[in-house]
Structures are given as structure tokens and as C-alpha cells.
Amino acid sequence: MTALVIVLAALPLATTAAALAGARARLAGYTAIVAACGSLVLAIWLLGYIGAHHSLTALAGFVYIDGLSAFFLFTVAVVVLLASLGSAAYIRTEEDSGHLSHFQVRMYFGFFGAFAALMLASLGTGNLGMLFVLIEASTLASAALVGLEARASSLEAAWKYIIISSLGVTIALVGTLFLFYSGTGLPLSAELRLTWPYLFAHAHELAYPPLRLAFLLAVIGYGTKVGLAPMHTWLPDAHSEAPSPTSAMLSAALLNTGMYAIMRFLAIARVGLGAHYVQVVMLAFGFASVLIGVLFLVTTPNFKRLFAYSSVEHMGIVAIALGFGGQVGLYGALLHTLNHAIGKAVLFLSSGDVVLGYHTREAAKVRGMLTTLPFTGTVLMLATLSILGSPPFGLFLSELTIVRAGFTAAGPWLPLALLLLLVIAFVAFARRIGGMVLGQPNPAPAAVRPYASGEQRVLAAVPLAVGLAALLLLGVWIPTALHTAILGSIGAVT
């Protein structure tokens, strides 16, 4: 079983190997797709296995899978597959047009595979020190993808991403050390005092002051990776400058990896400190993130930056759900994590088609997509409705669940404030995207078909169609297996 977990995380490295061997975009893209399919199949199998056996531990806790790990592995594996399909079309088009050199293509797929593997590996370890190492390594791998196009703005965004994210993860490391210190009185070896299941099992015995500081530093540190305000400033630049499949990976996978780390610390802190302190911290960062995200949704003209600020908003919603707590709050947080991951992957991948067709990232310069690019325009409009929480899509159900948890745990004012912010976000976001899709087509220059061949069009269309279908399915029916997996995740942290 341990070998299969290692294979799950290592499979994306086949893409890196293909790039190092000199493969061009077509071969490297198909390698990425096959590897991602393998990881997703193993992630689905792992969900079933953990549902029956509850956990898997090996190598002194360096490999550890429970319900929460399995759920996040499945979520990230889904995003990696969608982004791999998008990469096979997008990067090949950029190579054919001469916008990316062969070296840049090899660089993209080399770091894409490493980035995916590091994220999957970070979700499969029970050692909090190793979790820090893998998340920090994923920062370096993804930074190369952010600066891939080598424009002044993209290189600046990459450096900003490295500096802020590395500083944040260093703060998380200090939090990890304080957590280790809080357990020095336990009759455990040094290795076990950094291992999640043992710390969680002995959380009520941890020293109170260092545990309190450890949790706050972990939320600030890993919250930087998540994009929680006010540590979010790297996120709009990186998301807007990166190639669109990379933006999908950053928003729909990397942010979830950071949130997973926060949830591990939160579970320990809730037992060791009580619910009140945890609730105050998570609600403060959550509402700050939603507020900042909504304010920038009103004013941002760049549609990729718009999607990035939407990610800040939605990560804030997940943090609020964790702050509300309880079975309903945790269920809503996990369901929202999956829905947002799929929805934001679809949005960023469709934005790649817009960039290739219109050669701009400014929403005001894109009009009448239903006429010029009907498929992409339809997908973009439906994905927008989904990410804004419109029925019958999945985010409507997850947001409704979170609001319900708020009324139960915090009274009426906080959930009503959240609903007000969501209404403002709906109007601002829909207004911007509605103009792109429904407005009169620009007289010049006319949009061109983003993909030259039928093969590329199919590769680009499949993740958009599959993602939208999944969002619709999750809005009308939650499969029994997924419901069981979410309940298993809740059981692993309560």
C-alpha cells in the first residue's frame, strides 16, 4: 500500500523526465495527461481504501494517509488532470506560434511535473516538518512557471511570489517549531513530536502558551500560501502573469495544499486550546479575505486578476466555515474546497482560450464572445455563474451549508454579513464577465480561433466540459462515495 501512495505522488515526475529528455509540447503534454490520469485513479482507489481502513501509516509517519489526506489528494489530482489537458493544448499552441521557445516548453513541463508531484507528496506525509519542506519546494517549482514567459511583469511577479511565499512558509516553520516545543513534555521520541497523528492524539497534553502561538503562526505562514488577507499580495500578480494552466494549478491546487496544512494545525489547536480561540483567528482572517477580495472584484479590469481576487474571496469563505466549526461547518468547508477547485480550474483554463484569441488580459477589450468564440464564451459565463454560487451549481450548495453553519454557531450577524459580501461579489463579477460574453463584438481586432488543429481544440474543450458537468452534478446530487469521503475527513480531525 505504501508503494502505491509513493507512486501516486511520483507519477507526475514522468512529465519532468519527458521534458528533460527533450520532448516537445505534444509528447510532453500527453505524458502529463497519462501521468495525471494514473494519479487520479490511485487517488480514487485510496479514498475507498481509507474509507474501509481509516488510516495508513508507514516509514515512521513520513507517509501517512487518513480521510482528510485522501480527500485533498483526490481534489488536487482532479485539478492536475484538468490542468494537464489544458497544458497540452495551450503550451503547444504557444510553441507553434513561436511565443514560447523549445527551451521554455521543456522548462514548463519539467517544472509542471515537479510542482504537481510536490503538492501530492505534501498531502501524503504525516510529518509536519516534511510538510513544510515539500510546500516550500513547491513554491520554488511553481515560481519558475510564473516567470515562464520572461516578460518584465512576469519576472517581477515570480520574484514577488518567491519572496512573500518563502517568508510566509518560514513563519509557518517557526509555528511548527513552537508546536514541537509544546510537546516536549510528552513521553514521545523527537520524531513523533513532529508527527500529526501523535500530536493530535495528545493535543490535550500540549503546553498551552506555545501551542497558542504555534497555531497563530501556522495560520499566518500557511495562510500566505492560501492567499488569506493581508498576506495575499503575491497572488493577483502571480495568477495574472502565469500561463493559464499554471494559474489553474496555483488557484485550484496550491491554495488547497496550504489550507490542508492549516486544517492540520487547527485540529490540534481546537483540542488543546478550545474552540473559542480557533474560531476568533479563523473568522478574523476569513472575513478580512472575503472583504479584500470583494473590494478588488469591484475595481479590477484585468480578468485574470479578477479570478485571482475571487480565489482570495473563496479561501476566505473556507476559513470562515472552519471558524464556524461543527460538523456542518467542516462539511461545508470541504465541499466548498472541492467545488472551488473545479470551478476555478475551469475559469482559468477558459481564460487561456481568451488570451490566445484576443491577445489581451483586459476585460474591456474583450466583447461579444458568444459571437466570436461561442464555446469559450458559454463556458466562461456558466463557470462564472458557478463560482458566484448560483444554483444549480455545486458552490451554491456549499455556500448554503456554510451559512447554515454560521447561523447555528455564531448567531445571525456574521452569516448575514457574509451573505451581503457575496451579493456584492456577484454583482461586480457578473458585470465584468457579462460584458465580455454578452457585449457587442469589438469592430477590430477580431478574435481568432485560439487553436489551429482539431486535436488541440478537443484537448482544450475536454477539461472545460468535464469541469462544468462536475459542478452541475455536485449542485444537484452529492455521490454517496463523496459524501462518505467528506464524513471520513471530518472524522479524522474531530
Protein backbone atom coordinates (compact mmCIF):
# COMPACT_ATOMS: atom_id res chain seq x y z
CA MET A 1 0.00 0.00 0.00
CA THR A 2 2.82 2.39 0.85
CA ALA A 3 4.35 1.84 -2.58
CA LEU A 4 1.08 2.85 -4.25
CA VAL A 5 0.96 6.10 -2.26
CA ILE A 6 4.52 6.88 -3.35
CA VAL A 7 3.66 6.05 -6.96
CA LEU A 8 0.61 8.34 -6.78
CA ALA A 9 2.80 11.28 -5.83
CA ALA A 10 5.70 10.37 -8.12
CA LEU A 11 3.75 9.78 -11.35
CA PRO A 12 3.78 13.46 -12.45
CA LEU A 13 7.58 13.27 -12.46
CA ALA A 14 7.20 11.29 -15.70
CA THR A 15 6.34 14.66 -17.27
CA THR A 16 9.54 16.12 -15.86
CA ALA A 17 11.51 13.19 -17.25
CA ALA A 18 9.95 13.65 -20.70
CA ALA A 19 10.88 17.35 -20.65
CA LEU A 20 14.46 16.60 -19.58
CA ALA A 21 14.69 14.08 -22.42
CA GLY A 22 13.88 16.88 -24.88
CA ALA A 23 10.23 16.10 -25.65
CA ARG A 24 8.32 18.80 -27.49
CA ALA A 25 4.96 20.13 -26.31
CA ARG A 26 2.83 17.41 -27.92
CA LEU A 27 4.67 14.43 -26.38
CA ALA A 28 5.26 16.15 -23.04
CA GLY A 29 1.59 17.15 -22.92
CA TYR A 30 0.35 13.63 -23.49
CA THR A 31 2.83 12.33 -20.91
CA ALA A 32 1.38 14.79 -18.40
CA ILE A 33 -2.16 13.64 -19.20
CA VAL A 34 -1.35 9.94 -18.79
CA ALA A 35 0.54 10.58 -15.53
CA ALA A 36 -2.30 12.70 -14.16
CA CYS A 37 -4.83 10.01 -15.07
CA GLY A 38 -2.75 7.47 -13.16
CA SER A 39 -2.55 9.72 -10.09
CA LEU A 40 -6.31 10.34 -10.16
CA VAL A 41 -7.12 6.63 -10.44
CA LEU A 42 -4.86 5.88 -7.46
CA ALA A 43 -6.38 8.80 -5.51
CA ILE A 44 -9.88 7.41 -6.10
CA TRP A 45 -8.74 3.95 -5.03
CA LEU A 46 -7.14 5.47 -1.93
CA LEU A 47 -10.44 7.14 -0.98
CA GLY A 48 -12.09 3.74 -0.93
CA TYR A 49 -9.22 2.09 0.95
CA ILE A 50 -9.12 4.76 3.67
CA GLY A 51 -12.90 4.60 3.93
CA ALA A 52 -12.54 0.94 4.92
CA HIS A 53 -9.29 1.12 6.95
CA HIS A 54 -9.39 4.73 8.27
CA SER A 55 -5.64 5.40 8.00
CA LEU A 56 -2.35 4.22 6.57
CA THR A 57 0.98 4.85 8.32
CA ALA A 58 4.46 3.90 7.15
CA LEU A 59 8.10 4.98 7.38
CA ALA A 60 7.82 6.33 10.94
CA GLY A 61 4.96 8.63 9.97
CA PHE A 62 6.65 10.19 6.95
CA VAL A 63 3.90 8.50 4.93
CA TYR A 64 0.50 8.99 6.50
CA ILE A 65 -2.93 8.96 4.88
CA ASP A 66 -6.24 9.43 6.64
CA GLY A 67 -9.62 10.67 5.48
CA LEU A 68 -8.52 14.30 5.21
CA SER A 69 -5.36 13.41 3.28
CA ALA A 70 -7.27 11.18 0.89
CA PHE A 71 -9.89 13.84 0.21
CA PHE A 72 -7.31 16.53 -0.58
CA LEU A 73 -5.27 14.09 -2.67
CA PHE A 74 -8.38 13.42 -4.75
CA THR A 75 -9.14 17.14 -5.10
CA VAL A 76 -5.61 18.05 -6.19
CA ALA A 77 -5.39 15.04 -8.53
CA VAL A 78 -8.57 16.22 -10.28
CA VAL A 79 -7.06 19.69 -10.78
CA VAL A 80 -3.76 18.26 -12.03
CA LEU A 81 -5.61 16.26 -14.68
CA LEU A 82 -7.67 19.26 -15.81
CA ALA A 83 -4.54 21.43 -15.94
CA SER A 84 -2.62 18.73 -17.82
CA LEU A 85 -5.27 18.64 -20.53
CA GLY A 86 -5.24 22.42 -20.71
CA SER A 87 -1.43 22.49 -20.84
CA ALA A 88 -1.30 20.03 -23.74
CA ALA A 89 -3.38 22.44 -25.84
CA TYR A 90 -2.21 25.83 -24.54
CA ILE A 91 1.55 25.26 -24.44
CA ARG A 92 1.56 23.50 -27.81
CA THR A 93 -0.23 26.47 -29.36
CA GLU A 94 2.27 28.87 -27.82
CA GLU A 95 5.12 26.71 -29.14
CA ASP A 96 3.65 26.56 -32.65
CA SER A 97 3.14 30.33 -32.73
CA GLY A 98 6.72 31.00 -31.60
CA HIS A 99 5.70 32.76 -28.39
CA LEU A 100 7.49 30.08 -26.39
CA SER A 101 10.84 28.59 -27.38
CA HIS A 102 11.58 24.89 -27.19
CA PHE A 103 13.63 25.56 -24.05
CA GLN A 104 10.68 27.36 -22.42
CA VAL A 105 8.37 24.47 -23.33
CA ARG A 106 10.76 21.96 -21.76
CA MET A 107 11.08 24.22 -18.74
CA TYR A 108 7.30 24.45 -18.41
CA PHE A 109 6.64 20.72 -18.46
CA GLY A 110 9.68 19.97 -16.32
CA PHE A 111 8.55 22.23 -13.52
CA PHE A 112 4.86 21.40 -14.06
CA GLY A 113 5.55 17.74 -13.24
CA ALA A 114 7.69 18.64 -10.24
CA PHE A 115 5.08 21.09 -8.95
CA ALA A 116 2.30 18.51 -9.17
CA ALA A 117 4.41 15.79 -7.54
CA LEU A 118 5.43 18.03 -4.63
CA MET A 119 1.85 19.05 -3.92
CA LEU A 120 0.66 15.44 -3.94
CA ALA A 121 3.58 14.38 -1.76
CA SER A 122 2.86 17.12 0.80
CA LEU A 123 -0.64 15.72 1.23
CA GLY A 124 0.69 12.23 1.86
CA THR A 125 3.04 12.89 4.77
CA GLY A 126 2.18 12.85 8.46
CA ASN A 127 5.36 14.65 9.50
CA LEU A 128 4.80 18.39 9.92
CA GLY A 129 8.47 19.13 9.27
CA MET A 130 8.37 17.27 5.98
CA LEU A 131 5.11 19.07 5.17
CA PHE A 132 6.97 22.37 5.47
CA VAL A 133 9.84 21.14 3.26
CA LEU A 134 7.51 19.93 0.50
CA ILE A 135 5.35 23.05 0.48
CA GLU A 136 8.43 25.28 0.34
CA ALA A 137 9.82 23.19 -2.53
CA SER A 138 6.52 23.56 -4.39
CA THR A 139 6.99 27.34 -4.12
CA LEU A 140 10.29 27.16 -5.98
CA ALA A 141 8.89 24.84 -8.67
CA SER A 142 5.81 26.95 -9.29
CA ALA A 143 7.78 30.23 -9.30
CA ALA A 144 9.59 29.05 -12.43
CA LEU A 145 6.19 28.57 -14.09
CA VAL A 146 5.00 32.04 -13.07
CA GLY A 147 8.01 33.67 -14.74
CA LEU A 148 8.00 31.35 -17.76
CA GLU A 149 7.17 33.99 -20.39
CA ALA A 150 10.18 36.08 -19.27
CA ARG A 151 8.42 39.44 -19.60
CA ALA A 152 9.40 42.12 -17.10
CA SER A 153 6.00 41.88 -15.42
CA SER A 154 6.07 38.06 -15.18
CA LEU A 155 9.61 38.02 -13.77
CA GLU A 156 8.63 40.66 -11.22
CA ALA A 157 5.57 38.57 -10.26
CA ALA A 158 7.74 35.46 -9.88
CA TRP A 159 10.22 37.22 -7.59
CA LYS A 160 7.40 38.73 -5.54
CA TYR A 161 5.84 35.28 -5.26
CA ILE A 162 9.10 33.68 -4.10
CA ILE A 163 9.89 36.37 -1.53
CA ILE A 164 6.44 36.65 0.05
CA SER A 165 5.64 32.93 -0.04
CA SER A 166 9.05 31.93 1.31
CA LEU A 167 8.69 34.46 4.13
CA GLY A 168 5.24 33.07 4.88
CA VAL A 169 6.38 29.47 4.91
CA THR A 170 9.31 30.44 7.14
CA ILE A 171 6.77 31.84 9.62
CA ALA A 172 4.95 28.51 9.34
CA LEU A 173 8.24 26.77 10.16
CA VAL A 174 8.53 28.84 13.34
CA GLY A 175 4.97 27.80 14.17
CA THR A 176 5.94 24.17 13.60
CA LEU A 177 8.90 24.56 15.97
CA PHE A 178 6.64 26.05 18.66
CA LEU A 179 4.28 23.10 18.19
CA PHE A 180 7.24 20.77 18.65
CA TYR A 181 8.22 22.69 21.77
CA SER A 182 4.69 22.44 23.17
CA GLY A 183 5.06 18.67 23.14
CA THR A 184 8.46 18.41 24.80
CA GLY A 185 6.82 17.18 28.00
CA LEU A 186 5.26 14.20 26.25
CA PRO A 187 6.85 10.75 26.58
CA LEU A 188 7.46 10.60 22.82
CA SER A 189 10.56 10.47 20.68
CA ALA A 190 11.63 13.63 18.82
CA GLU A 191 10.29 12.22 15.54
CA LEU A 192 6.83 11.54 16.97
CA ARG A 193 6.58 15.07 18.38
CA LEU A 194 6.50 16.30 14.77
CA THR A 195 4.06 13.67 13.57
CA TRP A 196 0.45 14.72 13.05
CA PRO A 197 -1.44 11.64 14.38
CA TYR A 198 0.54 11.53 17.64
CA LEU A 199 0.27 15.27 18.24
CA PHE A 200 -3.46 15.14 17.56
CA ALA A 201 -3.92 12.18 19.91
CA HIS A 202 -2.03 14.03 22.69
CA ALA A 203 -3.29 17.55 21.90
CA HIS A 204 -4.90 17.97 25.33
CA GLU A 205 -1.47 17.40 26.94
CA LEU A 206 0.39 20.06 24.90
CA ALA A 207 1.67 23.18 26.67
CA TYR A 208 -0.87 25.97 26.26
CA PRO A 209 1.25 29.14 25.53
CA PRO A 210 3.49 27.66 22.79
CA LEU A 211 0.53 25.86 21.23
CA ARG A 212 -1.41 29.12 21.09
CA LEU A 213 1.49 30.85 19.32
CA ALA A 214 2.12 27.84 17.07
CA PHE A 215 -1.42 27.93 15.70
CA LEU A 216 -1.39 31.68 15.05
CA LEU A 217 1.98 31.49 13.25
CA ALA A 218 0.82 28.50 11.21
CA VAL A 219 -2.29 30.36 10.06
CA ILE A 220 -0.21 33.40 9.11
CA GLY A 221 2.50 31.31 7.45
CA TYR A 222 0.45 28.80 5.52
CA GLY A 223 -2.21 31.47 5.09
CA THR A 224 0.33 33.26 2.90
CA LYS A 225 0.27 30.24 0.56
CA VAL A 226 -3.53 30.17 0.75
CA GLY A 227 -3.82 33.87 -0.08
CA LEU A 228 -5.57 34.91 3.12
CA ALA A 229 -5.57 38.67 3.64
CA PRO A 230 -3.41 40.57 4.38
CA MET A 231 -0.79 38.03 3.17
CA HIS A 232 -2.42 37.75 -0.26
CA THR A 233 -0.45 40.38 -2.18
CA TRP A 234 1.60 37.93 -4.26
CA LEU A 235 -1.45 36.10 -5.53
CA PRO A 236 -3.02 38.52 -8.08
CA ASP A 237 0.34 39.19 -9.76
CA ALA A 238 1.34 35.53 -9.97
CA HIS A 239 -2.04 34.34 -11.19
CA SER A 240 -2.36 37.04 -13.82
CA GLU A 241 1.16 36.66 -15.24
CA ALA A 242 1.46 32.87 -15.29
CA PRO A 243 0.33 30.75 -18.26
CA SER A 244 -3.34 29.93 -17.74
CA PRO A 245 -2.88 26.21 -16.91
CA THR A 246 -0.34 27.28 -14.26
CA SER A 247 -2.88 29.77 -12.89
CA ALA A 248 -5.34 26.88 -12.61
CA MET A 249 -2.80 24.86 -10.63
CA LEU A 250 -1.97 27.78 -8.35
CA SER A 251 -5.56 28.72 -7.59
CA ALA A 252 -7.20 25.31 -7.56
CA ALA A 253 -4.43 23.11 -6.12
CA LEU A 254 -1.67 25.09 -4.38
CA LEU A 255 -4.09 27.16 -2.28
CA ASN A 256 -5.82 23.96 -1.16
CA THR A 257 -2.49 22.47 -0.11
CA GLY A 258 -1.90 25.45 2.16
CA MET A 259 -5.42 25.17 3.56
CA TYR A 260 -4.81 21.49 4.26
CA ALA A 261 -1.77 22.43 6.38
CA ILE A 262 -3.85 24.98 8.31
CA MET A 263 -6.52 22.34 8.96
CA ARG A 264 -3.92 20.03 10.48
CA PHE A 265 -2.83 22.72 12.94
CA LEU A 266 -6.44 23.74 13.54
CA ALA A 267 -7.45 20.22 14.58
CA ILE A 268 -4.68 20.10 17.18
CA ALA A 269 -5.37 23.63 18.43
CA ARG A 270 -9.11 23.04 18.76
CA VAL A 271 -8.45 20.17 21.18
CA GLY A 272 -5.56 21.80 23.02
CA LEU A 273 -6.85 25.39 23.22
CA GLY A 274 -10.60 25.08 22.97
CA ALA A 275 -12.91 26.23 20.21
CA HIS A 276 -13.10 29.96 21.03
CA TYR A 277 -9.50 30.96 20.20
CA VAL A 278 -9.51 28.95 16.98
CA GLN A 279 -12.86 30.45 15.97
CA VAL A 280 -11.69 34.04 16.52
CA VAL A 281 -8.50 33.57 14.50
CA MET A 282 -10.16 31.82 11.55
CA LEU A 283 -13.12 34.20 11.39
CA ALA A 284 -10.84 37.25 11.54
CA PHE A 285 -8.65 36.09 8.65
CA GLY A 286 -11.65 34.70 6.77
CA PHE A 287 -13.74 37.88 6.82
CA ALA A 288 -10.69 40.04 6.04
CA SER A 289 -10.02 37.89 2.97
CA VAL A 290 -13.61 37.97 1.76
CA LEU A 291 -13.77 41.75 2.24
CA ILE A 292 -10.48 42.39 0.41
CA GLY A 293 -11.42 40.00 -2.38
CA VAL A 294 -14.82 41.61 -2.90
CA LEU A 295 -13.43 45.17 -2.91
CA PHE A 296 -10.93 44.31 -5.64
CA LEU A 297 -13.58 42.45 -7.64
CA VAL A 298 -15.34 45.78 -7.96
CA THR A 299 -12.31 47.66 -9.30
CA THR A 300 -10.09 45.16 -11.17
CA PRO A 301 -10.14 45.46 -15.01
CA ASN A 302 -7.79 42.53 -15.76
CA PHE A 303 -9.90 39.37 -15.94
CA LYS A 304 -7.12 37.04 -14.75
CA ARG A 305 -6.52 39.28 -11.74
CA LEU A 306 -10.29 39.26 -11.25
CA PHE A 307 -10.21 35.46 -11.00
CA ALA A 308 -7.27 35.72 -8.60
CA TYR A 309 -9.13 38.04 -6.23
CA SER A 310 -12.06 35.65 -6.45
CA SER A 311 -9.69 32.98 -5.09
CA VAL A 312 -8.83 35.25 -2.15
CA GLU A 313 -12.55 35.61 -1.50
CA HIS A 314 -13.27 31.89 -1.69
CA MET A 315 -10.34 30.89 0.52
CA GLY A 316 -11.74 33.38 2.99
CA ILE A 317 -15.10 31.60 2.79
CA VAL A 318 -13.41 28.28 3.59
CA ALA A 319 -11.63 29.91 6.55
CA ILE A 320 -14.96 31.28 7.78
CA ALA A 321 -16.50 27.83 7.52
CA LEU A 322 -13.64 26.40 9.61
CA GLY A 323 -14.21 29.21 12.11
CA PHE A 324 -17.90 28.39 12.38
CA GLY A 325 -16.84 24.81 13.03
CA GLY A 326 -19.09 21.93 13.93
CA GLN A 327 -19.95 19.05 11.64
CA VAL A 328 -21.91 21.31 9.29
CA GLY A 329 -19.15 23.93 9.08
CA LEU A 330 -16.47 21.36 8.34
CA TYR A 331 -18.68 19.66 5.78
CA GLY A 332 -19.31 22.98 4.05
CA ALA A 333 -15.59 23.86 4.10
CA LEU A 334 -14.56 20.58 2.47
CA LEU A 335 -17.37 20.63 -0.08
CA HIS A 336 -16.54 24.25 -0.93
CA THR A 337 -12.87 23.34 -1.34
CA LEU A 338 -13.69 20.74 -3.98
CA ASN A 339 -16.26 22.91 -5.77
CA HIS A 340 -13.98 25.94 -5.84
CA ALA A 341 -11.05 23.88 -7.11
CA ILE A 342 -13.01 22.59 -10.09
CA GLY A 343 -14.73 25.92 -10.79
CA LYS A 344 -11.55 27.98 -10.65
CA ALA A 345 -9.69 25.46 -12.83
CA VAL A 346 -12.42 25.85 -15.47
CA LEU A 347 -12.30 29.66 -15.23
CA PHE A 348 -8.54 29.91 -15.61
CA LEU A 349 -8.37 27.34 -18.41
CA SER A 350 -11.10 29.18 -20.32
CA SER A 351 -9.21 32.43 -19.72
CA GLY A 352 -6.31 30.86 -21.60
CA ASP A 353 -8.53 30.49 -24.65
CA VAL A 354 -9.50 34.16 -24.32
CA VAL A 355 -5.85 35.26 -24.08
CA LEU A 356 -4.92 33.22 -27.15
CA GLY A 357 -7.92 34.50 -29.11
CA TYR A 358 -7.89 38.18 -28.14
CA HIS A 359 -4.21 38.65 -27.13
CA THR A 360 -5.18 40.66 -24.06
CA ARG A 361 -5.95 40.21 -20.37
CA GLU A 362 -8.08 43.37 -20.14
CA ALA A 363 -11.81 42.69 -19.79
CA ALA A 364 -12.75 45.94 -21.58
CA LYS A 365 -11.01 44.77 -24.76
CA VAL A 366 -12.98 41.52 -24.92
CA ARG A 367 -16.57 41.79 -26.12
CA GLY A 368 -19.15 39.58 -27.76
CA MET A 369 -17.57 36.20 -27.06
CA LEU A 370 -20.82 34.40 -27.76
CA THR A 371 -20.40 35.60 -31.34
CA THR A 372 -16.64 35.38 -31.82
CA LEU A 373 -15.78 32.40 -29.57
CA PRO A 374 -19.15 30.81 -28.76
CA PHE A 375 -17.94 27.70 -26.93
CA THR A 376 -15.43 29.58 -24.77
CA GLY A 377 -17.95 32.35 -24.12
CA THR A 378 -20.60 29.86 -22.99
CA VAL A 379 -18.16 28.06 -20.72
CA LEU A 380 -16.90 31.33 -19.23
CA MET A 381 -20.44 32.52 -18.48
CA LEU A 382 -21.51 29.22 -16.91
CA ALA A 383 -18.29 28.93 -14.91
CA THR A 384 -18.82 32.49 -13.68
CA LEU A 385 -22.33 31.66 -12.51
CA SER A 386 -20.93 28.60 -10.79
CA ILE A 387 -18.10 30.40 -8.98
CA LEU A 388 -20.57 33.07 -7.83
CA GLY A 389 -22.67 30.43 -6.09
CA SER A 390 -25.64 30.36 -8.44
CA PRO A 391 -27.96 27.35 -8.42
CA PRO A 392 -27.88 24.65 -9.63
CA PHE A 393 -24.08 24.53 -9.37
CA GLY A 394 -22.10 23.00 -6.52
CA LEU A 395 -20.88 26.22 -4.92
CA PHE A 396 -24.47 27.25 -4.20
CA LEU A 397 -24.88 24.13 -2.08
CA SER A 398 -21.53 24.53 -0.28
CA GLU A 399 -22.10 28.24 0.47
CA LEU A 400 -25.61 27.48 1.70
CA THR A 401 -24.17 24.83 4.02
CA ILE A 402 -21.59 27.31 5.38
CA VAL A 403 -24.22 30.00 6.01
CA ARG A 404 -26.37 27.44 7.79
CA ALA A 405 -23.39 26.51 9.99
CA GLY A 406 -22.92 30.20 10.79
CA PHE A 407 -26.49 30.66 11.98
CA THR A 408 -26.05 27.65 14.24
CA ALA A 409 -22.63 28.53 15.66
CA ALA A 410 -22.37 32.33 15.61
CA GLY A 411 -25.87 33.78 15.52
CA PRO A 412 -27.35 35.83 12.68
CA TRP A 413 -24.94 38.75 12.20
CA LEU A 414 -21.84 37.04 10.84
CA PRO A 415 -23.63 34.86 8.27
CA LEU A 416 -25.74 37.87 7.21
CA ALA A 417 -22.54 39.90 6.74
CA LEU A 418 -21.13 37.07 4.65
CA LEU A 419 -24.27 36.99 2.52
CA LEU A 420 -24.04 40.75 1.92
CA LEU A 421 -20.43 40.44 0.75
CA LEU A 422 -21.38 37.55 -1.54
CA VAL A 423 -24.12 39.67 -3.14
CA ILE A 424 -21.63 42.48 -3.84
CA ALA A 425 -19.19 39.97 -5.30
CA PHE A 426 -21.93 38.53 -7.50
CA VAL A 427 -22.85 41.91 -8.98
CA ALA A 428 -19.24 43.04 -9.56
CA PHE A 429 -18.00 39.77 -11.04
CA ALA A 430 -21.05 39.11 -13.20
CA ARG A 431 -20.99 42.67 -14.55
CA ARG A 432 -17.38 42.34 -15.70
CA ILE A 433 -17.70 38.89 -17.25
CA GLY A 434 -21.16 39.62 -18.65
CA GLY A 435 -19.68 42.45 -20.71
CA MET A 436 -17.03 40.13 -22.10
CA VAL A 437 -19.51 37.45 -23.09
CA LEU A 438 -22.69 39.32 -23.96
CA GLY A 439 -21.47 42.70 -25.20
CA GLN A 440 -21.25 43.80 -28.81
CA PRO A 441 -18.18 42.34 -30.55
CA ASN A 442 -15.28 44.75 -30.93
CA PRO A 443 -15.06 46.01 -34.52
CA ALA A 444 -11.29 45.48 -34.55
CA PRO A 445 -9.27 43.50 -33.98
CA ALA A 446 -11.49 40.46 -34.40
CA ALA A 447 -10.87 37.44 -32.22
CA VAL A 448 -9.20 34.49 -33.86
CA ARG A 449 -9.67 30.84 -33.11
CA PRO A 450 -7.25 30.12 -30.30
CA TYR A 451 -6.35 26.62 -31.53
CA ALA A 452 -5.29 25.73 -35.03
CA SER A 453 -5.99 21.99 -35.07
CA GLY A 454 -8.95 19.85 -34.11
CA GLU A 455 -6.75 17.85 -31.74
CA GLN A 456 -5.83 20.97 -29.77
CA ARG A 457 -9.45 22.15 -29.69
CA VAL A 458 -10.55 18.80 -28.25
CA LEU A 459 -7.79 18.83 -25.61
CA ALA A 460 -8.79 22.36 -24.61
CA ALA A 461 -12.53 21.64 -24.57
CA VAL A 462 -12.49 18.39 -22.58
CA PRO A 463 -11.45 19.85 -19.18
CA LEU A 464 -13.93 22.71 -19.57
CA ALA A 465 -16.84 20.40 -20.39
CA VAL A 466 -15.92 17.83 -17.71
CA GLY A 467 -15.40 20.52 -15.09
CA LEU A 468 -18.75 22.17 -15.78
CA ALA A 469 -20.51 18.80 -15.71
CA ALA A 470 -18.92 18.02 -12.34
CA LEU A 471 -20.00 21.39 -10.91
CA LEU A 472 -23.55 20.81 -12.09
CA LEU A 473 -23.58 17.28 -10.67
CA LEU A 474 -22.32 18.49 -7.29
CA GLY A 475 -25.09 21.07 -7.23
CA VAL A 476 -27.94 18.60 -7.66
CA TRP A 477 -26.55 15.40 -6.17
CA ILE A 478 -23.58 14.52 -3.98
CA PRO A 479 -22.47 10.97 -4.81
CA THR A 480 -22.58 8.59 -1.87
CA ALA A 481 -18.86 7.85 -2.14
CA LEU A 482 -18.01 11.56 -1.98
CA HIS A 483 -20.38 12.12 0.95
CA THR A 484 -18.72 9.23 2.78
CA ALA A 485 -15.25 10.62 1.99
CA ILE A 486 -16.18 14.06 3.39
CA LEU A 487 -17.58 12.48 6.54
CA GLY A 488 -14.35 10.46 6.85
CA SER A 489 -12.35 13.67 6.52
CA ILE A 490 -14.38 15.27 9.30
CA GLY A 491 -13.86 12.21 11.47
CA ALA A 492 -10.09 12.48 11.00
CA VAL A 493 -9.92 15.97 12.53
CA THR A 494 -12.60 15.83 15.25
